Every structure is written in C-alpha cells, then in structure tokens.
Amino acid sequence: MPARGTLSDSLRRAEGDVRAAAAMDRSVSCHVTDLGVTFAGRLTGGRIEVHETLEGPPRERAQVRLAMKGDDLLALVDGELHFARAWGSGRVKLEAGLRDLLHLRKLL
C-alpha cells in the first residue's frame, strides 16, 4: 500500500519535537475497518515498518493502535484530513498508553 510508505517518509523528515515523537520505538497496528484488514508492525527510527498484513482485526494488542476507514487513511496520508480533527470526530480511533499519547500529541 503506497500510503504506508508516504506516511513513513513524512515521519522520517520531521524535525524537533515531532521528530522525537516519530522516533519512538513502539508496536503499531492499523485496522482498516471497511476493508477488514490490519497492518501490524513497528514505529521505529521515524518509519513505520509493516511486518504483516492480517485479515480482520488485530490478533495481538499493539502499543499504539489505530482504526479507520481506508478512505480516511488515504486522506490523512495525502494531507487532506487533519489527524486531530479526524480523531476528535471519531473518524480515526487511537488507543495507546498515557506516556505514548503524550509523545504522540506532538505529531498532532
């Protein structure tokens, strides 16, 4: 999926506080609800490395968990949808521990 590469490239080019947040080393899952697919991997070194693509919801609990429709994922990556607004409106669901949420807020 080209969107994954675009998102990873954007994170890698980030600077300052955003770069520090993007440089986190955490397990990540992104469940694309309307497609019934989950991408599972790691956020590490400013990149999202997808290790597997699964049918259905995530099988294991990642440290950072996202859920959204495919169109919203593409809109986020293309810069047409602002993450904080999408999260606030419920279009994107984000679950993570408190410490991770504090780091991730720098990306918002």
N, C-alpha and C. Protein backbone atom coordinates (compact mmCIF):
# COMPACT_ATOMS: atom_id res chain seq x y z
N MET A 1 0.85 -1.18 0.00
CA MET A 1 0.00 0.00 0.00
C MET A 1 0.90 1.24 0.00
N PRO A 2 0.86 2.06 -1.02
CA PRO A 2 1.71 3.24 -1.11
C PRO A 2 1.51 4.22 0.03
N ALA A 3 0.33 4.27 0.62
CA ALA A 3 0.07 5.21 1.71
C ALA A 3 1.00 4.97 2.89
N ARG A 4 1.31 3.71 3.18
CA ARG A 4 2.22 3.41 4.29
C ARG A 4 3.58 4.03 4.06
N GLY A 5 4.11 3.92 2.85
CA GLY A 5 5.41 4.48 2.54
C GLY A 5 5.41 5.99 2.63
N THR A 6 4.37 6.63 2.15
CA THR A 6 4.26 8.08 2.21
C THR A 6 4.22 8.56 3.65
N LEU A 7 3.43 7.89 4.50
CA LEU A 7 3.35 8.26 5.91
C LEU A 7 4.71 8.07 6.57
N SER A 8 5.38 6.97 6.30
CA SER A 8 6.70 6.72 6.89
C SER A 8 7.70 7.77 6.45
N ASP A 9 7.68 8.15 5.19
CA ASP A 9 8.60 9.18 4.70
C ASP A 9 8.35 10.51 5.38
N SER A 10 7.09 10.87 5.61
CA SER A 10 6.76 12.12 6.29
C SER A 10 7.28 12.10 7.72
N LEU A 11 7.13 11.00 8.42
CA LEU A 11 7.63 10.89 9.78
C LEU A 11 9.14 11.00 9.82
N ARG A 12 9.81 10.39 8.86
CA ARG A 12 11.28 10.40 8.84
C ARG A 12 11.83 11.81 8.60
N ARG A 13 11.11 12.65 7.85
CA ARG A 13 11.58 14.01 7.55
C ARG A 13 11.21 15.01 8.64
N ALA A 14 10.47 14.60 9.64
CA ALA A 14 10.02 15.51 10.71
C ALA A 14 11.21 16.09 11.46
N GLU A 15 10.98 17.24 12.11
CA GLU A 15 12.03 17.91 12.87
C GLU A 15 11.56 18.22 14.29
N GLY A 16 12.50 18.53 15.18
CA GLY A 16 12.19 18.98 16.55
C GLY A 16 11.40 17.98 17.36
N ASP A 17 10.37 18.51 18.07
CA ASP A 17 9.52 17.67 18.92
C ASP A 17 8.82 16.59 18.11
N VAL A 18 8.42 16.93 16.89
CA VAL A 18 7.74 15.95 16.05
C VAL A 18 8.69 14.81 15.71
N ARG A 19 9.93 15.14 15.41
CA ARG A 19 10.91 14.09 15.10
C ARG A 19 11.14 13.19 16.32
N ALA A 20 11.21 13.78 17.51
CA ALA A 20 11.40 12.98 18.73
C ALA A 20 10.23 12.03 18.92
N ALA A 21 9.02 12.51 18.69
CA ALA A 21 7.85 11.64 18.82
C ALA A 21 7.84 10.56 17.75
N ALA A 22 8.22 10.93 16.53
CA ALA A 22 8.24 9.97 15.44
C ALA A 22 9.33 8.92 15.65
N ALA A 23 10.35 9.25 16.41
CA ALA A 23 11.46 8.32 16.64
C ALA A 23 11.16 7.29 17.72
N MET A 24 9.95 7.29 18.24
CA MET A 24 9.56 6.31 19.24
C MET A 24 9.75 4.90 18.69
N ASP A 25 9.95 3.95 19.57
CA ASP A 25 10.04 2.54 19.17
C ASP A 25 8.87 1.81 19.83
N ARG A 26 7.80 1.62 19.07
CA ARG A 26 6.58 1.02 19.60
C ARG A 26 5.96 0.08 18.56
N SER A 27 5.29 -0.95 19.05
CA SER A 27 4.50 -1.79 18.16
C SER A 27 3.26 -0.98 17.74
N VAL A 28 2.85 -1.17 16.49
CA VAL A 28 1.74 -0.40 15.93
C VAL A 28 0.82 -1.34 15.15
N SER A 29 -0.47 -1.08 15.27
CA SER A 29 -1.42 -1.76 14.38
C SER A 29 -2.37 -0.71 13.83
N CYS A 30 -2.75 -0.89 12.59
CA CYS A 30 -3.73 -0.01 11.95
C CYS A 30 -4.78 -0.90 11.30
N HIS A 31 -5.97 -0.89 11.90
CA HIS A 31 -7.08 -1.70 11.39
C HIS A 31 -7.89 -0.85 10.42
N VAL A 32 -7.95 -1.27 9.18
CA VAL A 32 -8.73 -0.58 8.16
C VAL A 32 -10.10 -1.25 8.17
N THR A 33 -11.03 -0.61 8.84
CA THR A 33 -12.30 -1.24 9.21
C THR A 33 -13.16 -1.67 8.02
N ASP A 34 -13.25 -0.83 7.00
CA ASP A 34 -14.12 -1.16 5.87
C ASP A 34 -13.52 -2.22 4.95
N LEU A 35 -12.22 -2.41 5.03
CA LEU A 35 -11.56 -3.43 4.21
C LEU A 35 -11.34 -4.73 4.99
N GLY A 36 -11.52 -4.67 6.31
CA GLY A 36 -11.31 -5.85 7.13
C GLY A 36 -9.87 -6.32 7.13
N VAL A 37 -8.95 -5.36 7.12
CA VAL A 37 -7.52 -5.65 7.07
C VAL A 37 -6.81 -4.90 8.19
N THR A 38 -5.79 -5.51 8.75
CA THR A 38 -4.96 -4.86 9.75
C THR A 38 -3.52 -4.92 9.33
N PHE A 39 -2.84 -3.78 9.38
CA PHE A 39 -1.40 -3.72 9.16
C PHE A 39 -0.75 -3.70 10.55
N ALA A 40 0.18 -4.60 10.79
CA ALA A 40 0.84 -4.68 12.09
C ALA A 40 2.34 -4.57 11.90
N GLY A 41 2.99 -3.81 12.78
CA GLY A 41 4.43 -3.64 12.66
C GLY A 41 4.97 -2.79 13.78
N ARG A 42 5.98 -1.97 13.45
CA ARG A 42 6.65 -1.12 14.45
C ARG A 42 6.82 0.29 13.91
N LEU A 43 6.71 1.23 14.84
CA LEU A 43 7.13 2.61 14.59
C LEU A 43 8.53 2.68 15.19
N THR A 44 9.54 2.80 14.35
CA THR A 44 10.92 2.80 14.82
C THR A 44 11.79 3.60 13.87
N GLY A 45 12.70 4.38 14.42
CA GLY A 45 13.60 5.17 13.59
C GLY A 45 12.88 6.15 12.68
N GLY A 46 11.70 6.60 13.10
CA GLY A 46 10.95 7.56 12.29
C GLY A 46 10.23 6.93 11.12
N ARG A 47 10.15 5.61 11.09
CA ARG A 47 9.46 4.92 10.00
C ARG A 47 8.49 3.91 10.57
N ILE A 48 7.45 3.66 9.83
CA ILE A 48 6.53 2.58 10.18
C ILE A 48 6.93 1.38 9.33
N GLU A 49 7.36 0.33 10.01
CA GLU A 49 7.74 -0.90 9.32
C GLU A 49 6.59 -1.89 9.49
N VAL A 50 5.92 -2.22 8.40
CA VAL A 50 4.82 -3.17 8.45
C VAL A 50 5.40 -4.58 8.33
N HIS A 51 5.13 -5.39 9.35
CA HIS A 51 5.65 -6.75 9.37
C HIS A 51 4.66 -7.77 8.83
N GLU A 52 3.38 -7.45 8.96
CA GLU A 52 2.38 -8.38 8.43
C GLU A 52 1.08 -7.67 8.15
N THR A 53 0.35 -8.23 7.22
CA THR A 53 -0.99 -7.77 6.88
C THR A 53 -1.93 -8.92 7.23
N LEU A 54 -2.92 -8.63 8.04
CA LEU A 54 -3.82 -9.66 8.56
C LEU A 54 -5.24 -9.43 8.11
N GLU A 55 -5.97 -10.50 7.92
CA GLU A 55 -7.41 -10.40 7.69
C GLU A 55 -8.07 -10.12 9.03
N GLY A 56 -9.00 -9.19 9.06
CA GLY A 56 -9.76 -8.92 10.28
C GLY A 56 -9.04 -8.00 11.24
N PRO A 57 -9.55 -7.95 12.48
CA PRO A 57 -8.96 -7.07 13.49
C PRO A 57 -7.60 -7.59 13.94
N PRO A 58 -6.83 -6.75 14.65
CA PRO A 58 -5.50 -7.18 15.11
C PRO A 58 -5.60 -8.41 16.02
N ARG A 59 -4.64 -9.29 15.90
CA ARG A 59 -4.62 -10.50 16.73
C ARG A 59 -3.93 -10.26 18.06
N GLU A 60 -2.98 -9.34 18.07
CA GLU A 60 -2.26 -9.00 19.29
C GLU A 60 -2.46 -7.52 19.59
N ARG A 61 -2.32 -7.16 20.85
CA ARG A 61 -2.51 -5.77 21.27
C ARG A 61 -1.21 -5.00 21.09
N ALA A 62 -1.18 -4.13 20.08
CA ALA A 62 -0.01 -3.28 19.84
C ALA A 62 0.02 -2.15 20.86
N GLN A 63 1.19 -1.55 21.05
CA GLN A 63 1.33 -0.44 21.99
C GLN A 63 0.58 0.80 21.48
N VAL A 64 0.54 0.99 20.16
CA VAL A 64 -0.21 2.08 19.53
C VAL A 64 -1.18 1.43 18.55
N ARG A 65 -2.48 1.69 18.75
CA ARG A 65 -3.50 1.05 17.94
C ARG A 65 -4.36 2.10 17.24
N LEU A 66 -4.47 1.97 15.95
CA LEU A 66 -5.29 2.87 15.14
C LEU A 66 -6.38 2.06 14.46
N ALA A 67 -7.53 2.69 14.22
CA ALA A 67 -8.60 2.08 13.44
C ALA A 67 -9.28 3.19 12.65
N MET A 68 -9.51 2.93 11.37
CA MET A 68 -10.14 3.92 10.50
C MET A 68 -10.57 3.26 9.20
N LYS A 69 -11.35 3.97 8.40
CA LYS A 69 -11.72 3.51 7.07
C LYS A 69 -10.57 3.77 6.11
N GLY A 70 -10.54 3.01 5.04
CA GLY A 70 -9.48 3.14 4.04
C GLY A 70 -9.40 4.53 3.44
N ASP A 71 -10.56 5.13 3.13
CA ASP A 71 -10.56 6.48 2.55
C ASP A 71 -9.96 7.50 3.52
N ASP A 72 -10.20 7.31 4.81
CA ASP A 72 -9.65 8.23 5.80
C ASP A 72 -8.14 8.06 5.92
N LEU A 73 -7.66 6.83 5.83
CA LEU A 73 -6.21 6.60 5.85
C LEU A 73 -5.55 7.30 4.67
N LEU A 74 -6.11 7.15 3.50
CA LEU A 74 -5.55 7.82 2.32
C LEU A 74 -5.61 9.34 2.44
N ALA A 75 -6.72 9.86 2.96
CA ALA A 75 -6.86 11.31 3.13
C ALA A 75 -5.85 11.85 4.14
N LEU A 76 -5.60 11.10 5.21
CA LEU A 76 -4.59 11.51 6.19
C LEU A 76 -3.21 11.59 5.55
N VAL A 77 -2.86 10.55 4.83
CA VAL A 77 -1.54 10.48 4.21
C VAL A 77 -1.37 11.56 3.15
N ASP A 78 -2.43 11.84 2.41
CA ASP A 78 -2.37 12.87 1.36
C ASP A 78 -2.45 14.28 1.91
N GLY A 79 -2.68 14.42 3.23
CA GLY A 79 -2.76 15.74 3.84
C GLY A 79 -4.12 16.40 3.67
N GLU A 80 -5.11 15.65 3.20
CA GLU A 80 -6.45 16.20 3.01
C GLU A 80 -7.29 16.15 4.28
N LEU A 81 -6.86 15.34 5.25
CA LEU A 81 -7.59 15.18 6.50
C LEU A 81 -6.61 15.40 7.65
N HIS A 82 -6.96 16.30 8.56
CA HIS A 82 -6.11 16.60 9.71
C HIS A 82 -6.37 15.56 10.79
N PHE A 83 -5.29 14.94 11.31
CA PHE A 83 -5.43 13.83 12.25
C PHE A 83 -6.23 14.22 13.49
N ALA A 84 -5.92 15.37 14.10
CA ALA A 84 -6.60 15.76 15.34
C ALA A 84 -8.10 15.92 15.11
N ARG A 85 -8.49 16.50 13.99
CA ARG A 85 -9.92 16.66 13.69
C ARG A 85 -10.57 15.30 13.44
N ALA A 86 -9.87 14.44 12.72
CA ALA A 86 -10.41 13.11 12.44
C ALA A 86 -10.56 12.31 13.73
N TRP A 87 -9.59 12.43 14.62
CA TRP A 87 -9.64 11.73 15.90
C TRP A 87 -10.77 12.30 16.76
N GLY A 88 -10.86 13.63 16.83
CA GLY A 88 -11.89 14.28 17.62
C GLY A 88 -13.30 13.97 17.15
N SER A 89 -13.47 13.76 15.86
CA SER A 89 -14.79 13.48 15.31
C SER A 89 -15.11 11.98 15.30
N GLY A 90 -14.14 11.16 15.68
CA GLY A 90 -14.38 9.73 15.73
C GLY A 90 -14.08 9.00 14.43
N ARG A 91 -13.63 9.71 13.42
CA ARG A 91 -13.28 9.04 12.16
C ARG A 91 -12.04 8.18 12.30
N VAL A 92 -11.16 8.56 13.19
CA VAL A 92 -9.96 7.79 13.49
C VAL A 92 -9.98 7.45 14.97
N LYS A 93 -9.76 6.21 15.28
CA LYS A 93 -9.67 5.78 16.67
C LYS A 93 -8.20 5.53 17.00
N LEU A 94 -7.74 6.06 18.12
CA LEU A 94 -6.36 5.91 18.57
C LEU A 94 -6.38 5.42 20.01
N GLU A 95 -5.68 4.33 20.26
CA GLU A 95 -5.53 3.82 21.62
C GLU A 95 -4.05 3.60 21.88
N ALA A 96 -3.60 4.05 23.04
CA ALA A 96 -2.21 3.88 23.44
C ALA A 96 -2.11 4.18 24.93
N GLY A 97 -0.99 3.81 25.53
CA GLY A 97 -0.75 4.15 26.92
C GLY A 97 -0.57 5.65 27.09
N LEU A 98 -0.72 6.11 28.32
CA LEU A 98 -0.64 7.55 28.59
C LEU A 98 0.69 8.14 28.14
N ARG A 99 1.80 7.50 28.44
CA ARG A 99 3.11 8.02 28.04
C ARG A 99 3.21 8.13 26.51
N ASP A 100 2.73 7.12 25.82
CA ASP A 100 2.76 7.16 24.35
C ASP A 100 1.86 8.26 23.81
N LEU A 101 0.69 8.43 24.42
CA LEU A 101 -0.21 9.50 23.97
C LEU A 101 0.44 10.87 24.14
N LEU A 102 1.19 11.06 25.22
CA LEU A 102 1.87 12.34 25.44
C LEU A 102 2.92 12.58 24.36
N HIS A 103 3.63 11.54 23.96
CA HIS A 103 4.61 11.70 22.87
C HIS A 103 3.90 11.90 21.53
N LEU A 104 2.85 11.15 21.30
CA LEU A 104 2.15 11.23 20.03
C LEU A 104 1.45 12.57 19.82
N ARG A 105 1.06 13.25 20.91
CA ARG A 105 0.37 14.54 20.75
C ARG A 105 1.25 15.52 19.99
N LYS A 106 2.57 15.34 20.05
CA LYS A 106 3.48 16.22 19.31
C LYS A 106 3.34 16.04 17.81
N LEU A 107 2.84 14.88 17.40
CA LEU A 107 2.62 14.64 15.98
C LEU A 107 1.32 15.26 15.50
N LEU A 108 0.44 15.61 16.43
CA LEU A 108 -0.87 16.15 16.07
C LEU A 108 -0.79 17.64 15.89
